[in-house]
Amino acid sequence: MTFGPILLVITAAFVHATWNLLAKRASSAGAAFVFVYNVVACVAYLPWVVYLMAGGDMRWSWEGVTFIVLSGLVHLAYSLCLQRGYQHADFSVVYPVARGTGPMLSSIGAVLILGEQPTLAVVAGLVAVVTGIGLIATQGDLSAFRKPGGRVGVSWGTVTGGLIASYTVVDAYAVKALGIAPVILDWFSNLVRFFLLAPVVIANPRRAAAAMRGHWLRAIGVGLLSPLSYILVLTALNLGAPLSVVAPMREMSMMVGALMGMLILREKVGPWRLVGCAVLIGGVILLTSR
């Protein structure tokens, strides 16, 4: 793989961790924040979508509409769970756990539902992911799980990871089987979320405005960066980068997230949590190599 795609994937990892950091800092805004950054994404990426649709890159069908709506629903649940997790737990716990459990749950689903035979690499990857999550959550002290709130970050991160695995399956089918361009799928998914959240915001605009106080620039940042991280990865793939290399490389964002939590949010990120991130990344690499 040449240097260009590698640089794109590394940049995507930093962009992904950055927009999640912004979302963590605006966690108190809840649904209002999700609504605003979805509006930003819809407006910012509309010209690109119009260009693609004018070129005939979208063929409408009932199945396609169904999967666009389903994608919007799952992404909305993911966004709201992520915000709630950031409200109740450290960024350096929720973020890597969410990113790591997605591939783990996908692999378990492939074995239990699709009947795939787990290889030694998959088994080792699952063990490594679980071990990494435990180290991140407890910092090497297992008694942390017995303390009030000790499992909160892992719980929200795991739920979020499950939703990541779900929308990955939905979006992959929409793109590969139905031929929907990824940018178009992402944009219409954002539009679905806009219409679902609009009644909540309109019902009490003063409360929404109060929740957004001090977070408008962060919402703009998330609205611009969230689709961008996805687009950078797609560009790397289009330049010939193999998915088997790109997928695990993306997961370096977990380590970036942990470091951001330590350096920017001043969270307690000791050596055990960093070791846990490294073990988690190793597990994800094993899972994606199957």
C-alpha atoms as a PDB file:
ATOM      1  CA  MET A   1       0.000   0.000   0.000  1.00  0.00           C
ATOM      2  CA  THR A   2       1.430   3.402  -1.003  1.00  0.00           C
ATOM      3  CA  PHE A   3       1.978   6.338   1.350  1.00  0.00           C
ATOM      4  CA  GLY A   4      -1.076   8.315   0.134  1.00  0.00           C
ATOM      5  CA  PRO A   5      -3.774   5.850   1.296  1.00  0.00           C
ATOM      6  CA  ILE A   6      -1.873   5.248   4.559  1.00  0.00           C
ATOM      7  CA  LEU A   7      -1.882   8.996   5.250  1.00  0.00           C
ATOM      8  CA  LEU A   8      -5.621   9.174   4.500  1.00  0.00           C
ATOM      9  CA  VAL A   9      -6.439   6.349   6.924  1.00  0.00           C
ATOM     10  CA  ILE A  10      -4.248   7.814   9.681  1.00  0.00           C
ATOM     11  CA  THR A  11      -5.886  11.216   9.152  1.00  0.00           C
ATOM     12  CA  ALA A  12      -9.316   9.554   9.303  1.00  0.00           C
ATOM     13  CA  ALA A  13      -8.417   8.007  12.673  1.00  0.00           C
ATOM     14  CA  PHE A  14      -7.467  11.417  14.110  1.00  0.00           C
ATOM     15  CA  VAL A  15     -10.572  13.049  12.588  1.00  0.00           C
ATOM     16  CA  HIS A  16     -12.811  10.344  14.063  1.00  0.00           C
ATOM     17  CA  ALA A  17     -11.296  10.684  17.530  1.00  0.00           C
ATOM     18  CA  THR A  18     -11.524  14.484  17.284  1.00  0.00           C
ATOM     19  CA  TRP A  19     -15.237  14.636  16.500  1.00  0.00           C
ATOM     20  CA  ASN A  20     -15.898  12.197  19.324  1.00  0.00           C
ATOM     21  CA  LEU A  21     -13.897  14.448  21.649  1.00  0.00           C
ATOM     22  CA  LEU A  22     -16.105  17.383  20.594  1.00  0.00           C
ATOM     23  CA  ALA A  23     -19.205  15.257  21.218  1.00  0.00           C
ATOM     24  CA  LYS A  24     -17.896  14.374  24.687  1.00  0.00           C
ATOM     25  CA  ARG A  25     -17.429  18.069  25.517  1.00  0.00           C
ATOM     26  CA  ALA A  26     -21.041  18.706  24.441  1.00  0.00           C
ATOM     27  CA  SER A  27     -22.479  15.600  26.116  1.00  0.00           C
ATOM     28  CA  SER A  28     -24.790  17.661  28.326  1.00  0.00           C
ATOM     29  CA  ALA A  29     -26.631  18.987  25.237  1.00  0.00           C
ATOM     30  CA  GLY A  30     -28.006  15.514  24.427  1.00  0.00           C
ATOM     31  CA  ALA A  31     -30.504  15.180  21.583  1.00  0.00           C
ATOM     32  CA  ALA A  32     -30.347  18.890  20.711  1.00  0.00           C
ATOM     33  CA  PHE A  33     -26.650  18.547  19.911  1.00  0.00           C
ATOM     34  CA  VAL A  34     -27.280  15.496  17.712  1.00  0.00           C
ATOM     35  CA  PHE A  35     -30.025  17.420  15.888  1.00  0.00           C
ATOM     36  CA  VAL A  36     -27.829  20.448  15.210  1.00  0.00           C
ATOM     37  CA  TYR A  37     -24.827  18.527  13.921  1.00  0.00           C
ATOM     38  CA  ASN A  38     -27.109  16.497  11.653  1.00  0.00           C
ATOM     39  CA  VAL A  39     -28.419  19.768  10.186  1.00  0.00           C
ATOM     40  CA  VAL A  40     -24.828  20.932   9.638  1.00  0.00           C
ATOM     41  CA  ALA A  41     -23.936  17.667   7.886  1.00  0.00           C
ATOM     42  CA  CYS A  42     -27.031  17.861   5.655  1.00  0.00           C
ATOM     43  CA  VAL A  43     -26.235  21.432   4.586  1.00  0.00           C
ATOM     44  CA  ALA A  44     -22.473  20.995   4.201  1.00  0.00           C
ATOM     45  CA  TYR A  45     -22.597  17.845   2.070  1.00  0.00           C
ATOM     46  CA  LEU A  46     -25.696  18.707   0.013  1.00  0.00           C
ATOM     47  CA  PRO A  47     -23.695  19.986  -3.025  1.00  0.00           C
ATOM     48  CA  TRP A  48     -21.802  16.705  -3.250  1.00  0.00           C
ATOM     49  CA  VAL A  49     -25.036  14.707  -3.038  1.00  0.00           C
ATOM     50  CA  VAL A  50     -26.697  16.840  -5.729  1.00  0.00           C
ATOM     51  CA  TYR A  51     -23.654  16.331  -7.972  1.00  0.00           C
ATOM     52  CA  LEU A  52     -23.757  12.549  -7.538  1.00  0.00           C
ATOM     53  CA  MET A  53     -27.498  12.319  -8.051  1.00  0.00           C
ATOM     54  CA  ALA A  54     -27.323  14.514 -11.160  1.00  0.00           C
ATOM     55  CA  GLY A  55     -24.806  12.037 -12.540  1.00  0.00           C
ATOM     56  CA  GLY A  56     -27.247   9.172 -12.080  1.00  0.00           C
ATOM     57  CA  ASP A  57     -25.535   7.587  -9.056  1.00  0.00           C
ATOM     58  CA  MET A  58     -28.855   6.917  -7.292  1.00  0.00           C
ATOM     59  CA  ARG A  59     -31.477   4.430  -8.462  1.00  0.00           C
ATOM     60  CA  TRP A  60     -34.562   4.585  -6.241  1.00  0.00           C
ATOM     61  CA  SER A  61     -36.364   1.439  -5.126  1.00  0.00           C
ATOM     62  CA  TRP A  62     -38.570   0.503  -2.177  1.00  0.00           C
ATOM     63  CA  GLU A  63     -35.825  -1.730  -0.845  1.00  0.00           C
ATOM     64  CA  GLY A  64     -33.332   1.110  -1.095  1.00  0.00           C
ATOM     65  CA  VAL A  65     -35.662   3.520   0.738  1.00  0.00           C
ATOM     66  CA  THR A  66     -36.257   0.891   3.429  1.00  0.00           C
ATOM     67  CA  PHE A  67     -32.539   0.485   4.078  1.00  0.00           C
ATOM     68  CA  ILE A  68     -31.954   4.256   4.074  1.00  0.00           C
ATOM     69  CA  VAL A  69     -34.640   4.643   6.762  1.00  0.00           C
ATOM     70  CA  LEU A  70     -33.262   1.678   8.704  1.00  0.00           C
ATOM     71  CA  SER A  71     -29.762   3.175   8.510  1.00  0.00           C
ATOM     72  CA  GLY A  72     -31.107   6.482   9.809  1.00  0.00           C
ATOM     73  CA  LEU A  73     -32.843   4.769  12.745  1.00  0.00           C
ATOM     74  CA  VAL A  74     -29.788   2.761  13.786  1.00  0.00           C
ATOM     75  CA  HIS A  75     -27.454   5.744  13.382  1.00  0.00           C
ATOM     76  CA  LEU A  76     -29.818   7.871  15.487  1.00  0.00           C
ATOM     77  CA  ALA A  77     -29.837   5.278  18.269  1.00  0.00           C
ATOM     78  CA  TYR A  78     -26.021   5.144  18.025  1.00  0.00           C
ATOM     79  CA  SER A  79     -25.668   8.943  18.246  1.00  0.00           C
ATOM     80  CA  LEU A  80     -27.991   9.232  21.248  1.00  0.00           C
ATOM     81  CA  CYS A  81     -26.352   6.314  23.094  1.00  0.00           C
ATOM     82  CA  LEU A  82     -22.919   7.780  22.435  1.00  0.00           C
ATOM     83  CA  GLN A  83     -23.970  11.143  23.873  1.00  0.00           C
ATOM     84  CA  ARG A  84     -25.537   9.464  26.922  1.00  0.00           C
ATOM     85  CA  GLY A  85     -22.422   7.389  27.483  1.00  0.00           C
ATOM     86  CA  TYR A  86     -20.267  10.513  27.359  1.00  0.00           C
ATOM     87  CA  GLN A  87     -22.574  12.114  29.942  1.00  0.00           C
ATOM     88  CA  HIS A  88     -21.960   9.354  32.482  1.00  0.00           C
ATOM     89  CA  ALA A  89     -18.440   8.037  31.891  1.00  0.00           C
ATOM     90  CA  ASP A  90     -14.920   8.957  30.824  1.00  0.00           C
ATOM     91  CA  PHE A  91     -14.242   9.527  27.145  1.00  0.00           C
ATOM     92  CA  SER A  92     -11.162   7.302  27.442  1.00  0.00           C
ATOM     93  CA  VAL A  93     -13.442   4.403  28.483  1.00  0.00           C
ATOM     94  CA  VAL A  94     -16.563   4.823  26.324  1.00  0.00           C
ATOM     95  CA  TYR A  95     -14.766   5.599  23.066  1.00  0.00           C
ATOM     96  CA  PRO A  96     -12.322   2.664  22.860  1.00  0.00           C
ATOM     97  CA  VAL A  97     -14.891   0.201  24.245  1.00  0.00           C
ATOM     98  CA  ALA A  98     -17.459   1.306  21.648  1.00  0.00           C
ATOM     99  CA  ARG A  99     -14.918   1.051  18.820  1.00  0.00           C
ATOM    100  CA  GLY A 100     -13.642  -2.324  19.993  1.00  0.00           C
ATOM    101  CA  THR A 101     -16.921  -4.125  20.712  1.00  0.00           C
ATOM    102  CA  GLY A 102     -18.284  -3.436  17.222  1.00  0.00           C
ATOM    103  CA  PRO A 103     -15.859  -5.871  15.489  1.00  0.00           C
ATOM    104  CA  MET A 104     -16.108  -8.259  18.452  1.00  0.00           C
ATOM    105  CA  LEU A 105     -19.908  -8.492  18.245  1.00  0.00           C
ATOM    106  CA  SER A 106     -19.771  -8.773  14.461  1.00  0.00           C
ATOM    107  CA  SER A 107     -17.437 -11.757  14.794  1.00  0.00           C
ATOM    108  CA  ILE A 108     -19.625 -13.414  17.436  1.00  0.00           C
ATOM    109  CA  GLY A 109     -22.665 -12.866  15.215  1.00  0.00           C
ATOM    110  CA  ALA A 110     -20.864 -14.430  12.248  1.00  0.00           C
ATOM    111  CA  VAL A 111     -20.188 -17.551  14.328  1.00  0.00           C
ATOM    112  CA  LEU A 112     -23.572 -17.870  16.072  1.00  0.00           C
ATOM    113  CA  ILE A 113     -25.921 -16.637  13.327  1.00  0.00           C
ATOM    114  CA  LEU A 114     -24.111 -17.330  10.058  1.00  0.00           C
ATOM    115  CA  GLY A 115     -22.503 -20.543  11.239  1.00  0.00           C
ATOM    116  CA  GLU A 116     -18.940 -19.494  10.410  1.00  0.00           C
ATOM    117  CA  GLN A 117     -16.210 -21.622  11.931  1.00  0.00           C
ATOM    118  CA  PRO A 118     -14.047 -19.472  14.232  1.00  0.00           C
ATOM    119  CA  THR A 119     -10.356 -19.572  13.409  1.00  0.00           C
ATOM    120  CA  LEU A 120      -7.628 -19.427  16.013  1.00  0.00           C
ATOM    121  CA  ALA A 121      -7.089 -15.752  15.100  1.00  0.00           C
ATOM    122  CA  VAL A 122     -10.769 -14.963  15.783  1.00  0.00           C
ATOM    123  CA  VAL A 123     -10.727 -16.733  19.153  1.00  0.00           C
ATOM    124  CA  ALA A 124      -7.496 -14.947  20.127  1.00  0.00           C
ATOM    125  CA  GLY A 125      -8.975 -11.638  18.922  1.00  0.00           C
ATOM    126  CA  LEU A 126     -12.122 -12.071  21.019  1.00  0.00           C
ATOM    127  CA  VAL A 127     -10.042 -12.861  24.116  1.00  0.00           C
ATOM    128  CA  ALA A 128      -7.800  -9.852  23.470  1.00  0.00           C
ATOM    129  CA  VAL A 129     -10.763  -7.484  22.996  1.00  0.00           C
ATOM    130  CA  VAL A 130     -12.410  -8.618  26.233  1.00  0.00           C
ATOM    131  CA  THR A 131      -9.073  -8.367  28.072  1.00  0.00           C
ATOM    132  CA  GLY A 132      -8.413  -4.904  26.644  1.00  0.00           C
ATOM    133  CA  ILE A 133     -11.868  -3.685  27.662  1.00  0.00           C
ATOM    134  CA  GLY A 134     -11.300  -5.007  31.177  1.00  0.00           C
ATOM    135  CA  LEU A 135      -7.947  -3.211  31.471  1.00  0.00           C
ATOM    136  CA  ILE A 136      -9.403   0.055  30.129  1.00  0.00           C
ATOM    137  CA  ALA A 137     -12.348  -0.030  32.518  1.00  0.00           C
ATOM    138  CA  THR A 138     -10.507  -1.129  35.662  1.00  0.00           C
ATOM    139  CA  GLN A 139      -6.975   0.258  35.106  1.00  0.00           C
ATOM    140  CA  GLY A 140      -5.722  -3.107  36.336  1.00  0.00           C
ATOM    141  CA  ASP A 141      -7.839  -3.039  39.511  1.00  0.00           C
ATOM    142  CA  LEU A 142     -10.687  -5.572  39.212  1.00  0.00           C
ATOM    143  CA  SER A 143     -12.347  -4.144  42.326  1.00  0.00           C
ATOM    144  CA  ALA A 144     -13.343  -1.168  40.140  1.00  0.00           C
ATOM    145  CA  PHE A 145     -16.302  -3.210  38.884  1.00  0.00           C
ATOM    146  CA  ARG A 146     -17.653  -3.374  42.445  1.00  0.00           C
ATOM    147  CA  LYS A 147     -17.584   0.402  42.873  1.00  0.00           C
ATOM    148  CA  PRO A 148     -20.622   2.602  42.096  1.00  0.00           C
ATOM    149  CA  GLY A 149     -20.596   3.421  38.413  1.00  0.00           C
ATOM    150  CA  GLY A 150     -17.690   1.075  37.730  1.00  0.00           C
ATOM    151  CA  ARG A 151     -19.510  -0.643  34.886  1.00  0.00           C
ATOM    152  CA  VAL A 152     -21.225   2.434  33.436  1.00  0.00           C
ATOM    153  CA  GLY A 153     -18.606   3.245  30.810  1.00  0.00           C
ATOM    154  CA  VAL A 154     -18.309  -0.376  29.685  1.00  0.00           C
ATOM    155  CA  SER A 155     -22.104  -0.748  29.519  1.00  0.00           C
ATOM    156  CA  TRP A 156     -22.656   2.338  27.367  1.00  0.00           C
ATOM    157  CA  GLY A 157     -19.603   1.569  25.264  1.00  0.00           C
ATOM    158  CA  THR A 158     -20.823  -1.986  24.637  1.00  0.00           C
ATOM    159  CA  VAL A 159     -24.341  -0.841  23.677  1.00  0.00           C
ATOM    160  CA  THR A 160     -22.826   1.737  21.339  1.00  0.00           C
ATOM    161  CA  GLY A 161     -20.514  -0.907  19.882  1.00  0.00           C
ATOM    162  CA  GLY A 162     -23.514  -3.132  19.222  1.00  0.00           C
ATOM    163  CA  LEU A 163     -25.159  -0.315  17.288  1.00  0.00           C
ATOM    164  CA  ILE A 164     -21.910   0.234  15.352  1.00  0.00           C
ATOM    165  CA  ALA A 165     -21.990  -3.437  14.346  1.00  0.00           C
ATOM    166  CA  SER A 166     -25.670  -3.083  13.374  1.00  0.00           C
ATOM    167  CA  TYR A 167     -25.281  -0.046  11.153  1.00  0.00           C
ATOM    168  CA  THR A 168     -22.163  -1.567   9.601  1.00  0.00           C
ATOM    169  CA  VAL A 169     -24.248  -4.523   8.408  1.00  0.00           C
ATOM    170  CA  VAL A 170     -27.131  -2.323   7.233  1.00  0.00           C
ATOM    171  CA  ASP A 171     -24.894   0.161   5.416  1.00  0.00           C
ATOM    172  CA  ALA A 172     -22.750  -2.572   3.860  1.00  0.00           C
ATOM    173  CA  TYR A 173     -25.847  -4.215   2.361  1.00  0.00           C
ATOM    174  CA  ALA A 174     -27.154  -0.876   1.100  1.00  0.00           C
ATOM    175  CA  VAL A 175     -23.851  -0.029  -0.578  1.00  0.00           C
ATOM    176  CA  LYS A 176     -22.808  -3.436  -1.881  1.00  0.00           C
ATOM    177  CA  ALA A 177     -26.109  -5.162  -2.680  1.00  0.00           C
ATOM    178  CA  LEU A 178     -28.288  -2.176  -3.563  1.00  0.00           C
ATOM    179  CA  GLY A 179     -25.606  -0.007  -5.167  1.00  0.00           C
ATOM    180  CA  ILE A 180     -26.313   3.141  -3.112  1.00  0.00           C
ATOM    181  CA  ALA A 181     -23.342   5.527  -3.130  1.00  0.00           C
ATOM    182  CA  PRO A 182     -21.902   5.806   0.423  1.00  0.00           C
ATOM    183  CA  VAL A 183     -22.071   9.622   0.477  1.00  0.00           C
ATOM    184  CA  ILE A 184     -25.713   9.534  -0.649  1.00  0.00           C
ATOM    185  CA  LEU A 185     -26.545   6.881   1.948  1.00  0.00           C
ATOM    186  CA  ASP A 186     -24.885   8.875   4.721  1.00  0.00           C
ATOM    187  CA  TRP A 187     -26.616  12.114   3.671  1.00  0.00           C
ATOM    188  CA  PHE A 188     -30.109  10.640   3.500  1.00  0.00           C
ATOM    189  CA  SER A 189     -29.475   8.827   6.776  1.00  0.00           C
ATOM    190  CA  ASN A 190     -28.711  12.230   8.313  1.00  0.00           C
ATOM    191  CA  LEU A 191     -31.916  13.581   6.763  1.00  0.00           C
ATOM    192  CA  VAL A 192     -33.944  10.789   8.382  1.00  0.00           C
ATOM    193  CA  ARG A 193     -32.437  11.674  11.756  1.00  0.00           C
ATOM    194  CA  PHE A 194     -33.273  15.329  11.144  1.00  0.00           C
ATOM    195  CA  PHE A 195     -36.972  14.572  10.674  1.00  0.00           C
ATOM    196  CA  LEU A 196     -37.051  12.208  13.660  1.00  0.00           C
ATOM    197  CA  LEU A 197     -35.415  14.695  16.021  1.00  0.00           C
ATOM    198  CA  ALA A 198     -37.116  17.858  14.704  1.00  0.00           C
ATOM    199  CA  PRO A 199     -40.386  17.300  16.672  1.00  0.00           C
ATOM    200  CA  VAL A 200     -38.393  16.852  19.893  1.00  0.00           C
ATOM    201  CA  VAL A 201     -36.518  20.117  19.364  1.00  0.00           C
ATOM    202  CA  ILE A 202     -39.528  22.090  18.071  1.00  0.00           C
ATOM    203  CA  ALA A 203     -41.651  20.956  21.037  1.00  0.00           C
ATOM    204  CA  ASN A 204     -39.421  22.948  23.393  1.00  0.00           C
ATOM    205  CA  PRO A 205     -37.094  25.243  21.424  1.00  0.00           C
ATOM    206  CA  ARG A 206     -36.081  27.225  24.511  1.00  0.00           C
ATOM    207  CA  ARG A 207     -34.845  24.087  26.260  1.00  0.00           C
ATOM    208  CA  ALA A 208     -32.963  23.033  23.122  1.00  0.00           C
ATOM    209  CA  ALA A 209     -31.381  26.473  22.770  1.00  0.00           C
ATOM    210  CA  ALA A 210     -30.387  26.433  26.439  1.00  0.00           C
ATOM    211  CA  ALA A 211     -28.864  22.964  26.046  1.00  0.00           C
ATOM    212  CA  MET A 212     -26.851  24.159  23.039  1.00  0.00           C
ATOM    213  CA  ARG A 213     -25.468  27.230  24.803  1.00  0.00           C
ATOM    214  CA  GLY A 214     -21.692  27.159  24.335  1.00  0.00           C
ATOM    215  CA  HIS A 215     -21.812  24.119  22.031  1.00  0.00           C
ATOM    216  CA  TRP A 216     -22.683  25.595  18.624  1.00  0.00           C
ATOM    217  CA  LEU A 217     -19.117  25.547  17.285  1.00  0.00           C
ATOM    218  CA  ARG A 218     -18.679  21.978  18.515  1.00  0.00           C
ATOM    219  CA  ALA A 219     -21.844  20.942  16.673  1.00  0.00           C
ATOM    220  CA  ILE A 220     -20.490  22.524  13.486  1.00  0.00           C
ATOM    221  CA  GLY A 221     -17.232  20.648  13.993  1.00  0.00           C
ATOM    222  CA  VAL A 222     -18.963  17.291  14.466  1.00  0.00           C
ATOM    223  CA  GLY A 223     -21.276  17.911  11.505  1.00  0.00           C
ATOM    224  CA  LEU A 224     -18.280  18.530   9.253  1.00  0.00           C
ATOM    225  CA  LEU A 225     -15.848  15.956  10.669  1.00  0.00           C
ATOM    226  CA  SER A 226     -18.110  12.951  11.214  1.00  0.00           C
ATOM    227  CA  PRO A 227     -18.847  12.360   7.491  1.00  0.00           C
ATOM    228  CA  LEU A 228     -15.300  13.422   6.584  1.00  0.00           C
ATOM    229  CA  SER A 229     -13.689  10.586   8.554  1.00  0.00           C
ATOM    230  CA  TYR A 230     -15.824   8.110   6.613  1.00  0.00           C
ATOM    231  CA  ILE A 231     -15.082   9.786   3.273  1.00  0.00           C
ATOM    232  CA  LEU A 232     -11.310   9.676   3.874  1.00  0.00           C
ATOM    233  CA  VAL A 233     -11.461   5.916   4.431  1.00  0.00           C
ATOM    234  CA  LEU A 234     -13.559   5.406   1.287  1.00  0.00           C
ATOM    235  CA  THR A 235     -11.064   7.480  -0.687  1.00  0.00           C
ATOM    236  CA  ALA A 236      -8.204   5.307   0.549  1.00  0.00           C
ATOM    237  CA  LEU A 237     -10.106   2.212  -0.588  1.00  0.00           C
ATOM    238  CA  ASN A 238     -10.815   3.785  -3.968  1.00  0.00           C
ATOM    239  CA  LEU A 239      -7.071   4.442  -4.372  1.00  0.00           C
ATOM    240  CA  GLY A 240      -6.457   0.715  -4.114  1.00  0.00           C
ATOM    241  CA  ALA A 241      -5.788   0.246  -0.399  1.00  0.00           C
ATOM    242  CA  PRO A 242      -6.847  -3.294   0.675  1.00  0.00           C
ATOM    243  CA  LEU A 243      -9.726  -3.438   3.154  1.00  0.00           C
ATOM    244  CA  SER A 244      -7.811  -6.029   5.178  1.00  0.00           C
ATOM    245  CA  VAL A 245      -5.215  -3.335   5.913  1.00  0.00           C
ATOM    246  CA  VAL A 246      -7.483  -0.284   6.152  1.00  0.00           C
ATOM    247  CA  ALA A 247      -9.939  -1.802   8.658  1.00  0.00           C
ATOM    248  CA  PRO A 248      -7.404  -2.517  11.433  1.00  0.00           C
ATOM    249  CA  MET A 249      -5.476   0.705  10.739  1.00  0.00           C
ATOM    250  CA  ARG A 250      -8.632   2.714  11.458  1.00  0.00           C
ATOM    251  CA  GLU A 251      -8.686   1.307  14.975  1.00  0.00           C
ATOM    252  CA  MET A 252      -5.650   3.343  15.977  1.00  0.00           C
ATOM    253  CA  SER A 253      -8.292   5.979  16.719  1.00  0.00           C
ATOM    254  CA  MET A 254      -8.897   4.119  19.993  1.00  0.00           C
ATOM    255  CA  MET A 255      -5.382   4.906  21.190  1.00  0.00           C
ATOM    256  CA  VAL A 256      -5.719   8.475  19.898  1.00  0.00           C
ATOM    257  CA  GLY A 257      -8.969   8.794  21.864  1.00  0.00           C
ATOM    258  CA  ALA A 258      -7.368   7.558  25.070  1.00  0.00           C
ATOM    259  CA  LEU A 259      -4.479  10.016  24.675  1.00  0.00           C
ATOM    260  CA  MET A 260      -6.912  12.878  23.979  1.00  0.00           C
ATOM    261  CA  GLY A 261      -8.816  11.973  27.116  1.00  0.00           C
ATOM    262  CA  MET A 262      -5.587  12.195  29.106  1.00  0.00           C
ATOM    263  CA  LEU A 263      -4.022  15.274  27.516  1.00  0.00           C
ATOM    264  CA  ILE A 264      -7.095  17.404  26.720  1.00  0.00           C
ATOM    265  CA  LEU A 265      -9.853  16.290  29.100  1.00  0.00           C
ATOM    266  CA  ARG A 266      -7.386  15.614  31.941  1.00  0.00           C
ATOM    267  CA  GLU A 267      -8.932  12.213  32.599  1.00  0.00           C
ATOM    268  CA  LYS A 268      -7.035   9.679  34.670  1.00  0.00           C
ATOM    269  CA  VAL A 269      -5.413   7.547  31.977  1.00  0.00           C
ATOM    270  CA  GLY A 270      -2.754   5.456  33.634  1.00  0.00           C
ATOM    271  CA  PRO A 271      -0.442   2.907  32.031  1.00  0.00           C
ATOM    272  CA  TRP A 272      -2.987   0.084  32.424  1.00  0.00           C
ATOM    273  CA  ARG A 273      -5.568   1.939  30.354  1.00  0.00           C
ATOM    274  CA  LEU A 274      -3.026   2.571  27.594  1.00  0.00           C
ATOM    275  CA  VAL A 275      -1.980  -1.095  27.706  1.00  0.00           C
ATOM    276  CA  GLY A 276      -5.664  -1.993  27.480  1.00  0.00           C
ATOM    277  CA  CYS A 277      -6.032   0.136  24.344  1.00  0.00           C
ATOM    278  CA  ALA A 278      -3.029  -1.582  22.792  1.00  0.00           C
ATOM    279  CA  VAL A 279      -4.427  -5.044  23.621  1.00  0.00           C
ATOM    280  CA  LEU A 280      -7.846  -3.991  22.290  1.00  0.00           C
ATOM    281  CA  ILE A 281      -6.338  -2.760  19.010  1.00  0.00           C
ATOM    282  CA  GLY A 282      -4.415  -6.018  18.688  1.00  0.00           C
ATOM    283  CA  GLY A 283      -7.631  -7.956  19.195  1.00  0.00           C
ATOM    284  CA  VAL A 284      -9.456  -5.954  16.546  1.00  0.00           C
ATOM    285  CA  ILE A 285      -6.589  -6.541  14.090  1.00  0.00           C
ATOM    286  CA  LEU A 286      -6.868 -10.295  14.706  1.00  0.00           C
ATOM    287  CA  LEU A 287     -10.656 -10.169  14.196  1.00  0.00           C
ATOM    288  CA  THR A 288     -10.396  -8.258  10.929  1.00  0.00           C
ATOM    289  CA  SER A 289      -7.739 -10.626   9.591  1.00  0.00           C
ATOM    290  CA  ARG A 290     -10.084 -13.614   9.454  1.00  0.00           C
END
